[in-house]
Amino acid sequence: MFSMPSGWEWIIIGAIVFIIFGRRLPGVMKSIGKSFAEFRKGLKGVEKEIKDVKDVKDDIDNVTKFKIG
């Protein structure tokens, strides 16, 4: 079916993108970079929340072990 573009195809794609976006290209790339940075910050926040929940669960498990045993 379809395959990934190779050498010259990437050059042609890049030229078309440059022609279409031209002067706006640096701004577009800057906004993509900011979006990526925000996405990574969000992932780190989720990872921290998961770790906090695991810590609370471990604390609850430890307290219940002392009460039961």
PDB file of N, CA and C in Angstrom:
ATOM      1  N   MET A   1       0.826  -1.180   0.000  1.00  0.00           N
ATOM      2  CA  MET A   1       0.000   0.000   0.000  1.00  0.00           C
ATOM      3  C   MET A   1       0.879   1.256   0.000  1.00  0.00           C
ATOM      4  N   PHE A   2       0.951   1.909   1.180  1.00  0.00           N
ATOM      5  CA  PHE A   2       1.740   3.127   1.291  1.00  0.00           C
ATOM      6  C   PHE A   2       2.982   2.852   2.122  1.00  0.00           C
ATOM      7  N   SER A   3       4.041   3.561   1.803  1.00  0.00           N
ATOM      8  CA  SER A   3       5.261   3.427   2.587  1.00  0.00           C
ATOM      9  C   SER A   3       5.724   4.816   3.011  1.00  0.00           C
ATOM     10  N   MET A   4       6.669   4.847   3.919  1.00  0.00           N
ATOM     11  CA  MET A   4       7.219   6.120   4.387  1.00  0.00           C
ATOM     12  C   MET A   4       7.975   6.799   3.253  1.00  0.00           C
ATOM     13  N   PRO A   5       7.887   8.130   3.203  1.00  0.00           N
ATOM     14  CA  PRO A   5       8.646   8.844   2.166  1.00  0.00           C
ATOM     15  C   PRO A   5      10.147   8.639   2.354  1.00  0.00           C
ATOM     16  N   SER A   6      10.870   8.638   1.247  1.00  0.00           N
ATOM     17  CA  SER A   6      12.319   8.490   1.314  1.00  0.00           C
ATOM     18  C   SER A   6      12.980   9.809   0.906  1.00  0.00           C
ATOM     19  N   GLY A   7      14.285   9.833   0.786  1.00  0.00           N
ATOM     20  CA  GLY A   7      15.124  11.000   0.532  1.00  0.00           C
ATOM     21  C   GLY A   7      14.497  12.175  -0.198  1.00  0.00           C
ATOM     22  N   TRP A   8      14.336  12.041  -1.513  1.00  0.00           N
ATOM     23  CA  TRP A   8      13.834  13.158  -2.306  1.00  0.00           C
ATOM     24  C   TRP A   8      12.402  13.535  -1.941  1.00  0.00           C
ATOM     25  N   GLU A   9      11.622  12.575  -1.560  1.00  0.00           N
ATOM     26  CA  GLU A   9      10.234  12.872  -1.188  1.00  0.00           C
ATOM     27  C   GLU A   9      10.190  13.790   0.028  1.00  0.00           C
ATOM     28  N   TRP A  10      11.084  13.559   1.014  1.00  0.00           N
ATOM     29  CA  TRP A  10      11.139  14.441   2.191  1.00  0.00           C
ATOM     30  C   TRP A  10      11.565  15.846   1.795  1.00  0.00           C
ATOM     31  N   ILE A  11      12.494  15.945   0.858  1.00  0.00           N
ATOM     32  CA  ILE A  11      12.945  17.265   0.396  1.00  0.00           C
ATOM     33  C   ILE A  11      11.794  18.008  -0.275  1.00  0.00           C
ATOM     34  N   ILE A  12      11.031  17.303  -1.091  1.00  0.00           N
ATOM     35  CA  ILE A  12       9.882  17.927  -1.773  1.00  0.00           C
ATOM     36  C   ILE A  12       8.829  18.333  -0.753  1.00  0.00           C
ATOM     37  N   ILE A  13       8.548  17.459   0.218  1.00  0.00           N
ATOM     38  CA  ILE A  13       7.576  17.791   1.261  1.00  0.00           C
ATOM     39  C   ILE A  13       8.038  19.015   2.038  1.00  0.00           C
ATOM     40  N   GLY A  14       9.324  19.050   2.393  1.00  0.00           N
ATOM     41  CA  GLY A  14       9.867  20.203   3.117  1.00  0.00           C
ATOM     42  C   GLY A  14       9.751  21.485   2.310  1.00  0.00           C
ATOM     43  N   ALA A  15      10.022  21.418   1.007  1.00  0.00           N
ATOM     44  CA  ALA A  15       9.916  22.602   0.153  1.00  0.00           C
ATOM     45  C   ALA A  15       8.469  23.096   0.082  1.00  0.00           C
ATOM     46  N   ILE A  16       7.529  22.175  -0.019  1.00  0.00           N
ATOM     47  CA  ILE A  16       6.112  22.560  -0.077  1.00  0.00           C
ATOM     48  C   ILE A  16       5.690  23.213   1.234  1.00  0.00           C
ATOM     49  N   VAL A  17       6.108  22.641   2.363  1.00  0.00           N
ATOM     50  CA  VAL A  17       5.787  23.233   3.669  1.00  0.00           C
ATOM     51  C   VAL A  17       6.390  24.620   3.778  1.00  0.00           C
ATOM     52  N   PHE A  18       7.623  24.780   3.321  1.00  0.00           N
ATOM     53  CA  PHE A  18       8.285  26.083   3.381  1.00  0.00           C
ATOM     54  C   PHE A  18       7.558  27.106   2.518  1.00  0.00           C
ATOM     55  N   ILE A  19       7.104  26.693   1.344  1.00  0.00           N
ATOM     56  CA  ILE A  19       6.370  27.602   0.454  1.00  0.00           C
ATOM     57  C   ILE A  19       5.031  27.996   1.065  1.00  0.00           C
ATOM     58  N   ILE A  20       4.337  27.021   1.652  1.00  0.00           N
ATOM     59  CA  ILE A  20       3.007  27.299   2.218  1.00  0.00           C
ATOM     60  C   ILE A  20       3.110  28.182   3.453  1.00  0.00           C
ATOM     61  N   PHE A  21       4.004  27.829   4.395  1.00  0.00           N
ATOM     62  CA  PHE A  21       4.075  28.558   5.658  1.00  0.00           C
ATOM     63  C   PHE A  21       5.034  29.739   5.610  1.00  0.00           C
ATOM     64  N   GLY A  22       6.098  29.636   4.839  1.00  0.00           N
ATOM     65  CA  GLY A  22       7.031  30.730   4.634  1.00  0.00           C
ATOM     66  C   GLY A  22       7.427  31.472   5.898  1.00  0.00           C
ATOM     67  N   ARG A  23       6.942  32.681   6.019  1.00  0.00           N
ATOM     68  CA  ARG A  23       7.313  33.552   7.138  1.00  0.00           C
ATOM     69  C   ARG A  23       6.706  33.109   8.459  1.00  0.00           C
ATOM     70  N   ARG A  24       5.626  32.374   8.408  1.00  0.00           N
ATOM     71  CA  ARG A  24       4.967  31.934   9.643  1.00  0.00           C
ATOM     72  C   ARG A  24       5.630  30.715  10.255  1.00  0.00           C
ATOM     73  N   LEU A  25       6.533  30.081   9.546  1.00  0.00           N
ATOM     74  CA  LEU A  25       7.138  28.831   9.999  1.00  0.00           C
ATOM     75  C   LEU A  25       7.820  28.941  11.367  1.00  0.00           C
ATOM     76  N   PRO A  26       8.617  29.990  11.647  1.00  0.00           N
ATOM     77  CA  PRO A  26       9.220  30.089  12.987  1.00  0.00           C
ATOM     78  C   PRO A  26       8.173  30.198  14.103  1.00  0.00           C
ATOM     79  N   GLY A  27       7.118  30.935  13.857  1.00  0.00           N
ATOM     80  CA  GLY A  27       6.051  31.053  14.858  1.00  0.00           C
ATOM     81  C   GLY A  27       5.326  29.736  15.073  1.00  0.00           C
ATOM     82  N   VAL A  28       5.095  29.024  13.995  1.00  0.00           N
ATOM     83  CA  VAL A  28       4.434  27.716  14.084  1.00  0.00           C
ATOM     84  C   VAL A  28       5.301  26.747  14.874  1.00  0.00           C
ATOM     85  N   MET A  29       6.593  26.730  14.573  1.00  0.00           N
ATOM     86  CA  MET A  29       7.502  25.828  15.289  1.00  0.00           C
ATOM     87  C   MET A  29       7.598  26.202  16.765  1.00  0.00           C
ATOM     88  N   LYS A  30       7.572  27.492  17.061  1.00  0.00           N
ATOM     89  CA  LYS A  30       7.628  27.947  18.454  1.00  0.00           C
ATOM     90  C   LYS A  30       6.384  27.484  19.208  1.00  0.00           C
ATOM     91  N   SER A  31       5.224  27.615  18.590  1.00  0.00           N
ATOM     92  CA  SER A  31       3.993  27.194  19.265  1.00  0.00           C
ATOM     93  C   SER A  31       3.952  25.673  19.429  1.00  0.00           C
ATOM     94  N   ILE A  32       4.481  24.929  18.473  1.00  0.00           N
ATOM     95  CA  ILE A  32       4.555  23.475  18.611  1.00  0.00           C
ATOM     96  C   ILE A  32       5.474  23.109  19.772  1.00  0.00           C
ATOM     97  N   GLY A  33       6.596  23.813  19.884  1.00  0.00           N
ATOM     98  CA  GLY A  33       7.521  23.562  20.990  1.00  0.00           C
ATOM     99  C   GLY A  33       6.888  23.846  22.338  1.00  0.00           C
ATOM    100  N   LYS A  34       6.150  24.951  22.434  1.00  0.00           N
ATOM    101  CA  LYS A  34       5.468  25.283  23.696  1.00  0.00           C
ATOM    102  C   LYS A  34       4.412  24.236  24.025  1.00  0.00           C
ATOM    103  N   SER A  35       3.689  23.797  23.022  1.00  0.00           N
ATOM    104  CA  SER A  35       2.664  22.773  23.243  1.00  0.00           C
ATOM    105  C   SER A  35       3.291  21.478  23.744  1.00  0.00           C
ATOM    106  N   PHE A  36       4.417  21.102  23.163  1.00  0.00           N
ATOM    107  CA  PHE A  36       5.106  19.889  23.579  1.00  0.00           C
ATOM    108  C   PHE A  36       5.596  20.009  25.012  1.00  0.00           C
ATOM    109  N   ALA A  37       6.119  21.191  25.375  1.00  0.00           N
ATOM    110  CA  ALA A  37       6.594  21.414  26.739  1.00  0.00           C
ATOM    111  C   ALA A  37       5.435  21.320  27.735  1.00  0.00           C
ATOM    112  N   GLU A  38       4.291  21.902  27.407  1.00  0.00           N
ATOM    113  CA  GLU A  38       3.124  21.824  28.278  1.00  0.00           C
ATOM    114  C   GLU A  38       2.634  20.384  28.413  1.00  0.00           C
ATOM    115  N   PHE A  39       2.685  19.631  27.335  1.00  0.00           N
ATOM    116  CA  PHE A  39       2.279  18.230  27.363  1.00  0.00           C
ATOM    117  C   PHE A  39       3.169  17.446  28.326  1.00  0.00           C
ATOM    118  N   ARG A  40       4.485  17.679  28.251  1.00  0.00           N
ATOM    119  CA  ARG A  40       5.417  16.987  29.144  1.00  0.00           C
ATOM    120  C   ARG A  40       5.175  17.378  30.598  1.00  0.00           C
ATOM    121  N   LYS A  41       4.878  18.665  30.852  1.00  0.00           N
ATOM    122  CA  LYS A  41       4.572  19.101  32.218  1.00  0.00           C
ATOM    123  C   LYS A  41       3.331  18.379  32.731  1.00  0.00           C
ATOM    124  N   GLY A  42       2.343  18.240  31.862  1.00  0.00           N
ATOM    125  CA  GLY A  42       1.124  17.535  32.240  1.00  0.00           C
ATOM    126  C   GLY A  42       1.387  16.084  32.572  1.00  0.00           C
ATOM    127  N   LEU A  43       2.233  15.437  31.785  1.00  0.00           N
ATOM    128  CA  LEU A  43       2.572  14.040  32.068  1.00  0.00           C
ATOM    129  C   LEU A  43       3.291  13.906  33.406  1.00  0.00           C
ATOM    130  N   LYS A  44       4.195  14.833  33.698  1.00  0.00           N
ATOM    131  CA  LYS A  44       4.897  14.779  34.977  1.00  0.00           C
ATOM    132  C   LYS A  44       3.915  14.969  36.128  1.00  0.00           C
ATOM    133  N   GLY A  45       2.924  15.835  35.938  1.00  0.00           N
ATOM    134  CA  GLY A  45       1.905  16.035  36.965  1.00  0.00           C
ATOM    135  C   GLY A  45       1.106  14.771  37.217  1.00  0.00           C
ATOM    136  N   VAL A  46       0.753  14.073  36.144  1.00  0.00           N
ATOM    137  CA  VAL A  46      -0.004  12.823  36.274  1.00  0.00           C
ATOM    138  C   VAL A  46       0.844  11.770  36.976  1.00  0.00           C
ATOM    139  N   GLU A  47       2.120  11.686  36.599  1.00  0.00           N
ATOM    140  CA  GLU A  47       3.004  10.707  37.244  1.00  0.00           C
ATOM    141  C   GLU A  47       3.121  10.995  38.739  1.00  0.00           C
ATOM    142  N   LYS A  48       3.185  12.279  39.119  1.00  0.00           N
ATOM    143  CA  LYS A  48       3.279  12.641  40.536  1.00  0.00           C
ATOM    144  C   LYS A  48       1.997  12.255  41.268  1.00  0.00           C
ATOM    145  N   GLU A  49       0.846  12.495  40.645  1.00  0.00           N
ATOM    146  CA  GLU A  49      -0.418  12.125  41.276  1.00  0.00           C
ATOM    147  C   GLU A  49      -0.507  10.615  41.473  1.00  0.00           C
ATOM    148  N   ILE A  50      -0.076   9.844  40.500  1.00  0.00           N
ATOM    149  CA  ILE A  50      -0.099   8.386  40.618  1.00  0.00           C
ATOM    150  C   ILE A  50       0.798   7.941  41.767  1.00  0.00           C
ATOM    151  N   LYS A  51       1.991   8.539  41.865  1.00  0.00           N
ATOM    152  CA  LYS A  51       2.908   8.202  42.954  1.00  0.00           C
ATOM    153  C   LYS A  51       2.291   8.557  44.299  1.00  0.00           C
ATOM    154  N   ASP A  52       1.639   9.718  44.399  1.00  0.00           N
ATOM    155  CA  ASP A  52       1.001  10.117  45.648  1.00  0.00           C
ATOM    156  C   ASP A  52      -0.096   9.132  46.054  1.00  0.00           C
ATOM    157  N   VAL A  53      -0.898   8.693  45.076  1.00  0.00           N
ATOM    158  CA  VAL A  53      -1.968   7.738  45.363  1.00  0.00           C
ATOM    159  C   VAL A  53      -1.381   6.412  45.843  1.00  0.00           C
ATOM    160  N   LYS A  54      -0.298   5.976  45.198  1.00  0.00           N
ATOM    161  CA  LYS A  54       0.345   4.729  45.629  1.00  0.00           C
ATOM    162  C   LYS A  54       0.880   4.868  47.050  1.00  0.00           C
ATOM    163  N   ASP A  55       1.463   6.023  47.374  1.00  0.00           N
ATOM    164  CA  ASP A  55       1.975   6.244  48.730  1.00  0.00           C
ATOM    165  C   ASP A  55       0.843   6.196  49.761  1.00  0.00           C
ATOM    166  N   VAL A  56      -0.286   6.821  49.443  1.00  0.00           N
ATOM    167  CA  VAL A  56      -1.427   6.802  50.358  1.00  0.00           C
ATOM    168  C   VAL A  56      -1.948   5.376  50.523  1.00  0.00           C
ATOM    169  N   LYS A  57      -2.021   4.635  49.410  1.00  0.00           N
ATOM    170  CA  LYS A  57      -2.478   3.246  49.487  1.00  0.00           C
ATOM    171  C   LYS A  57      -1.543   2.421  50.372  1.00  0.00           C
ATOM    172  N   ASP A  58      -0.241   2.621  50.212  1.00  0.00           N
ATOM    173  CA  ASP A  58       0.721   1.890  51.043  1.00  0.00           C
ATOM    174  C   ASP A  58       0.545   2.246  52.515  1.00  0.00           C
ATOM    175  N   ASP A  59       0.308   3.537  52.784  1.00  0.00           N
ATOM    176  CA  ASP A  59       0.093   3.960  54.170  1.00  0.00           C
ATOM    177  C   ASP A  59      -1.161   3.303  54.749  1.00  0.00           C
ATOM    178  N   ILE A  60      -2.223   3.255  53.959  1.00  0.00           N
ATOM    179  CA  ILE A  60      -3.466   2.632  54.420  1.00  0.00           C
ATOM    180  C   ILE A  60      -3.241   1.140  54.664  1.00  0.00           C
ATOM    181  N   ASP A  61      -2.525   0.490  53.767  1.00  0.00           N
ATOM    182  CA  ASP A  61      -2.231  -0.933  53.945  1.00  0.00           C
ATOM    183  C   ASP A  61      -1.435  -1.179  55.218  1.00  0.00           C
ATOM    184  N   ASN A  62      -0.456  -0.327  55.486  1.00  0.00           N
ATOM    185  CA  ASN A  62       0.362  -0.478  56.702  1.00  0.00           C
ATOM    186  C   ASN A  62      -0.475  -0.273  57.968  1.00  0.00           C
ATOM    187  N   VAL A  63      -1.379   0.704  57.954  1.00  0.00           N
ATOM    188  CA  VAL A  63      -2.225   0.963  59.127  1.00  0.00           C
ATOM    189  C   VAL A  63      -3.175  -0.203  59.363  1.00  0.00           C
ATOM    190  N   THR A  64      -3.757  -0.739  58.294  1.00  0.00           N
ATOM    191  CA  THR A  64      -4.688  -1.867  58.459  1.00  0.00           C
ATOM    192  C   THR A  64      -3.973  -3.122  58.927  1.00  0.00           C
ATOM    193  N   LYS A  65      -2.710  -3.307  58.557  1.00  0.00           N
ATOM    194  CA  LYS A  65      -1.955  -4.465  59.022  1.00  0.00           C
ATOM    195  C   LYS A  65      -1.754  -4.397  60.539  1.00  0.00           C
ATOM    196  N   PHE A  66      -1.488  -3.195  61.037  1.00  0.00           N
ATOM    197  CA  PHE A  66      -1.264  -3.051  62.482  1.00  0.00           C
ATOM    198  C   PHE A  66      -2.564  -3.262  63.265  1.00  0.00           C
ATOM    199  N   LYS A  67      -3.702  -2.824  62.717  1.00  0.00           N
ATOM    200  CA  LYS A  67      -4.964  -2.967  63.413  1.00  0.00           C
ATOM    201  C   LYS A  67      -5.433  -4.418  63.406  1.00  0.00           C
ATOM    202  N   ILE A  68      -5.236  -5.106  62.305  1.00  0.00           N
ATOM    203  CA  ILE A  68      -5.700  -6.482  62.172  1.00  0.00           C
ATOM    204  C   ILE A  68      -4.806  -7.431  62.951  1.00  0.00           C
ATOM    205  N   GLY A  69      -3.487  -7.221  62.821  1.00  0.00           N
ATOM    206  CA  GLY A  69      -2.521  -8.145  63.405  1.00  0.00           C
ATOM    207  C   GLY A  69      -2.324  -7.897  64.836  1.00  0.00           C
TER     208      GLY A  69
END
